Amino acid sequence: MDIGIILSLTVSLFLILDPFASVPMFINITKGLEERDVKSYADKATVVAAILLFVFMFIGKDLMGVFGVTMNSFRVAGGIIFLMMAIELVFGLSLSKMDDEKGAKWAIIASPILTGPGVITTAILFSSQYGYLTVMVSGAAALIITWVILRYSSLIMRYVGEQALGIMTKIIGLFIAAMG
C-alpha cells in the first residue's frame, strides 16, 4: 500500500462525504436532544455510513446489476432525495414522518447525506482501480474524521451560533438542491 495513494483517496472520500455540509442537518435533527443522544446519533450514522460504504465497495456493482439499476439511475434517485432534503432545510419543512428513535432520524445522515450516490460510486470505482484494502483504509480514515466532526457538532454550533447556523443551513440546502 502506497501512503500517498491512501492519503489522496482519504481526502477524496472525505470531500465527497462532506461532513461539514452534514453538520447543519445533523444539528437540526438532534436539536433539543441530550449530549449523549447526539453522540449516539453520530455513532449510529457513522457506523451505518461505513457499512454502506464497504458493502457497496465489495458488491455494489453486482448488487445494482441484480436490480437492474444503472449508475445514472442511481444518481437520479439520489438527486431527488437531495432535492427533498434541500426543501426541508431551505423552507424549514418536515417531509419525513420520523418522530422518534424508531424512525431513526440519524439514518438520514448516514444515507443519503454521508454515503449517497457520490460516495457509493466513488467507492466502487476506487476499489476497482486501487484494490479493496487501500480503499478500506482510506474509507475508514475519512469516516473517523467525519465521526469526530458529527460527535462535536454541538461544539461547532456554539462557536458558530444559532443565527449563523440558520443562514448556513439555508445555504447548504441550496447546495444540496444543486448537487441533486
Protein backbone atom coordinates (compact mmCIF):
# COMPACT_ATOMS: atom_id res chain seq x y z
CA MET A 1 0.00 0.00 0.00
CA ASP A 2 1.29 3.38 -1.06
CA ILE A 3 0.80 6.04 1.66
CA GLY A 4 0.46 8.76 -0.99
CA ILE A 5 -2.44 6.93 -2.63
CA ILE A 6 -4.07 6.27 0.74
CA LEU A 7 -3.84 9.97 1.66
CA SER A 8 -5.17 11.01 -1.74
CA LEU A 9 -8.11 8.58 -1.55
CA THR A 10 -8.81 9.57 2.07
CA VAL A 11 -9.01 13.24 1.11
CA SER A 12 -11.19 12.42 -1.90
CA LEU A 13 -13.59 10.30 0.13
CA PHE A 14 -13.65 12.88 2.94
CA LEU A 15 -14.54 15.65 0.50
CA ILE A 16 -17.29 13.55 -1.06
CA LEU A 17 -18.61 12.51 2.39
CA ASP A 18 -18.58 16.25 3.16
CA PRO A 19 -19.35 16.11 6.88
CA PHE A 20 -19.29 19.90 7.19
CA ALA A 21 -22.32 20.07 4.91
CA SER A 22 -23.95 17.45 7.14
CA VAL A 23 -23.49 19.46 10.34
CA PRO A 24 -26.46 21.83 9.82
CA MET A 25 -28.82 18.95 9.05
CA PHE A 26 -27.37 16.86 11.88
CA ILE A 27 -27.82 19.72 14.35
CA ASN A 28 -31.35 20.27 13.06
CA ILE A 29 -32.18 16.58 13.56
CA THR A 30 -30.59 16.45 17.03
CA LYS A 31 -31.91 19.82 18.26
CA GLY A 32 -33.18 19.50 21.81
CA LEU A 33 -31.56 16.13 22.46
CA GLU A 34 -29.20 15.48 25.34
CA GLU A 35 -25.48 15.38 24.57
CA ARG A 36 -25.30 11.60 24.98
CA ASP A 37 -28.13 11.17 22.47
CA VAL A 38 -26.39 13.48 19.99
CA LYS A 39 -23.22 11.40 20.29
CA SER A 40 -25.28 8.23 19.89
CA TYR A 41 -26.83 9.59 16.68
CA ALA A 42 -23.33 10.42 15.42
CA ASP A 43 -22.14 6.91 16.28
CA LYS A 44 -25.08 5.22 14.58
CA ALA A 45 -24.96 7.42 11.49
CA THR A 46 -21.24 6.81 11.03
CA VAL A 47 -21.50 3.05 11.54
CA VAL A 48 -24.32 2.77 9.00
CA ALA A 49 -22.40 5.02 6.59
CA ALA A 50 -19.37 2.73 6.99
CA ILE A 51 -21.43 -0.40 6.42
CA LEU A 52 -22.95 1.08 3.27
CA LEU A 53 -19.58 2.26 2.01
CA PHE A 54 -17.95 -1.13 2.50
CA VAL A 55 -20.89 -3.20 1.23
CA PHE A 56 -21.10 -1.16 -1.95
CA MET A 57 -17.33 -1.22 -2.31
CA PHE A 58 -17.37 -5.03 -2.36
CA ILE A 59 -20.66 -5.91 -4.05
CA GLY A 60 -22.14 -2.61 -5.23
CA LYS A 61 -21.74 -3.18 -8.94
CA ASP A 62 -23.17 -6.70 -8.74
CA LEU A 63 -25.98 -5.67 -6.38
CA MET A 64 -27.06 -2.84 -8.64
CA GLY A 65 -26.92 -5.22 -11.61
CA VAL A 66 -29.25 -7.69 -9.87
CA PHE A 67 -31.88 -4.97 -9.54
CA GLY A 68 -31.21 -3.52 -12.98
CA VAL A 69 -30.05 -0.22 -11.50
CA THR A 70 -27.54 1.76 -13.52
CA MET A 71 -25.15 4.31 -12.05
CA ASN A 72 -27.09 7.04 -13.86
CA SER A 73 -30.47 5.99 -12.44
CA PHE A 74 -28.87 5.72 -9.01
CA ARG A 75 -27.63 9.29 -9.35
CA VAL A 76 -31.10 10.50 -10.40
CA ALA A 77 -32.74 8.83 -7.40
CA GLY A 78 -30.12 10.35 -5.12
CA GLY A 79 -30.73 13.73 -6.72
CA ILE A 80 -34.45 13.54 -5.95
CA ILE A 81 -33.71 12.70 -2.32
CA PHE A 82 -31.19 15.55 -2.13
CA LEU A 83 -33.82 17.93 -3.52
CA MET A 84 -36.36 16.86 -0.90
CA MET A 85 -33.80 17.33 1.86
CA ALA A 86 -32.93 20.75 0.47
CA ILE A 87 -36.60 21.75 0.52
CA GLU A 88 -36.74 20.73 4.19
CA LEU A 89 -33.68 22.83 5.02
CA VAL A 90 -34.50 25.93 2.98
CA PHE A 91 -38.17 26.16 3.91
CA GLY A 92 -37.99 24.63 7.39
CA LEU A 93 -40.43 21.88 6.45
CA SER A 94 -40.52 18.30 7.64
CA LEU A 95 -41.31 15.93 4.78
CA SER A 96 -40.42 12.79 6.72
CA LYS A 97 -42.66 11.19 9.30
CA MET A 98 -39.91 10.12 11.70
CA ASP A 99 -40.85 11.41 15.13
CA ASP A 100 -38.97 9.11 17.47
CA GLU A 101 -35.96 6.81 17.81
CA LYS A 102 -37.87 4.09 15.95
CA GLY A 103 -37.98 6.45 13.00
CA ALA A 104 -34.17 6.52 13.03
CA LYS A 105 -33.66 10.15 12.02
CA TRP A 106 -29.92 9.53 12.23
CA ALA A 107 -30.29 7.20 9.22
CA ILE A 108 -30.92 10.27 7.05
CA ILE A 109 -27.42 11.46 7.92
CA ALA A 110 -25.93 8.02 7.19
CA SER A 111 -27.58 7.85 3.79
CA PRO A 112 -28.03 9.75 1.59
CA ILE A 113 -26.15 12.63 3.25
CA LEU A 114 -22.86 10.84 4.04
CA THR A 115 -22.99 7.76 1.82
CA GLY A 116 -25.00 8.99 -1.09
CA PRO A 117 -24.60 8.18 -4.77
CA GLY A 118 -21.30 10.08 -5.00
CA VAL A 119 -19.60 8.11 -2.22
CA ILE A 120 -21.03 4.80 -3.37
CA THR A 121 -19.97 5.37 -6.98
CA THR A 122 -16.53 6.54 -5.87
CA ALA A 123 -16.07 3.51 -3.61
CA ILE A 124 -16.94 1.17 -6.47
CA LEU A 125 -14.58 2.94 -8.88
CA PHE A 126 -11.70 3.32 -6.39
CA SER A 127 -11.86 -0.33 -5.33
CA SER A 128 -11.60 -1.47 -8.94
CA GLN A 129 -8.62 0.87 -9.50
CA TYR A 130 -6.69 0.61 -6.22
CA GLY A 131 -7.90 -2.59 -4.59
CA TYR A 132 -10.15 -3.26 -1.64
CA LEU A 133 -7.59 -2.90 1.16
CA THR A 134 -6.42 0.55 0.07
CA VAL A 135 -9.99 1.82 -0.25
CA MET A 136 -10.97 0.24 3.10
CA VAL A 137 -8.13 2.02 4.90
CA SER A 138 -8.89 5.31 3.15
CA GLY A 139 -12.63 4.98 3.77
CA ALA A 140 -12.08 4.16 7.43
CA ALA A 141 -9.83 7.20 7.88
CA ALA A 142 -12.34 9.52 6.17
CA LEU A 143 -15.19 8.08 8.25
CA ILE A 144 -13.27 8.51 11.52
CA ILE A 145 -12.72 12.20 10.77
CA THR A 146 -16.40 12.52 9.83
CA TRP A 147 -17.43 10.78 13.06
CA VAL A 148 -15.39 13.24 15.14
CA ILE A 149 -16.99 16.20 13.36
CA LEU A 150 -20.51 14.86 13.94
CA ARG A 151 -19.86 13.98 17.59
CA TYR A 152 -18.69 17.50 18.27
CA SER A 153 -21.29 19.25 16.12
CA SER A 154 -22.86 20.92 19.15
CA LEU A 155 -19.48 22.45 19.99
CA ILE A 156 -19.23 23.66 16.40
CA MET A 157 -22.69 25.19 16.80
CA ARG A 158 -21.68 27.00 19.99
CA TYR A 159 -18.84 28.68 18.14
CA VAL A 160 -20.83 29.42 15.02
CA GLY A 161 -24.07 30.47 16.73
CA GLU A 162 -27.72 29.68 16.06
CA GLN A 163 -28.39 32.59 13.70
CA ALA A 164 -25.31 31.84 11.61
CA LEU A 165 -26.30 28.17 11.62
CA GLY A 166 -29.76 29.06 10.32
CA ILE A 167 -28.25 31.05 7.46
CA MET A 168 -25.68 28.31 6.81
CA THR A 169 -28.46 25.67 6.84
CA LYS A 170 -30.38 27.52 4.13
CA ILE A 171 -27.24 27.96 2.02
CA ILE A 172 -26.33 24.28 2.45
CA GLY A 173 -29.91 23.46 1.45
CA LEU A 174 -29.39 25.35 -1.80
CA PHE A 175 -26.12 23.50 -2.41
CA ILE A 176 -27.82 20.16 -1.69
CA ALA A 177 -30.53 21.06 -4.20
CA ALA A 178 -27.85 21.94 -6.74
CA MET A 179 -25.99 18.67 -6.06
CA GLY A 180 -29.17 16.71 -6.76
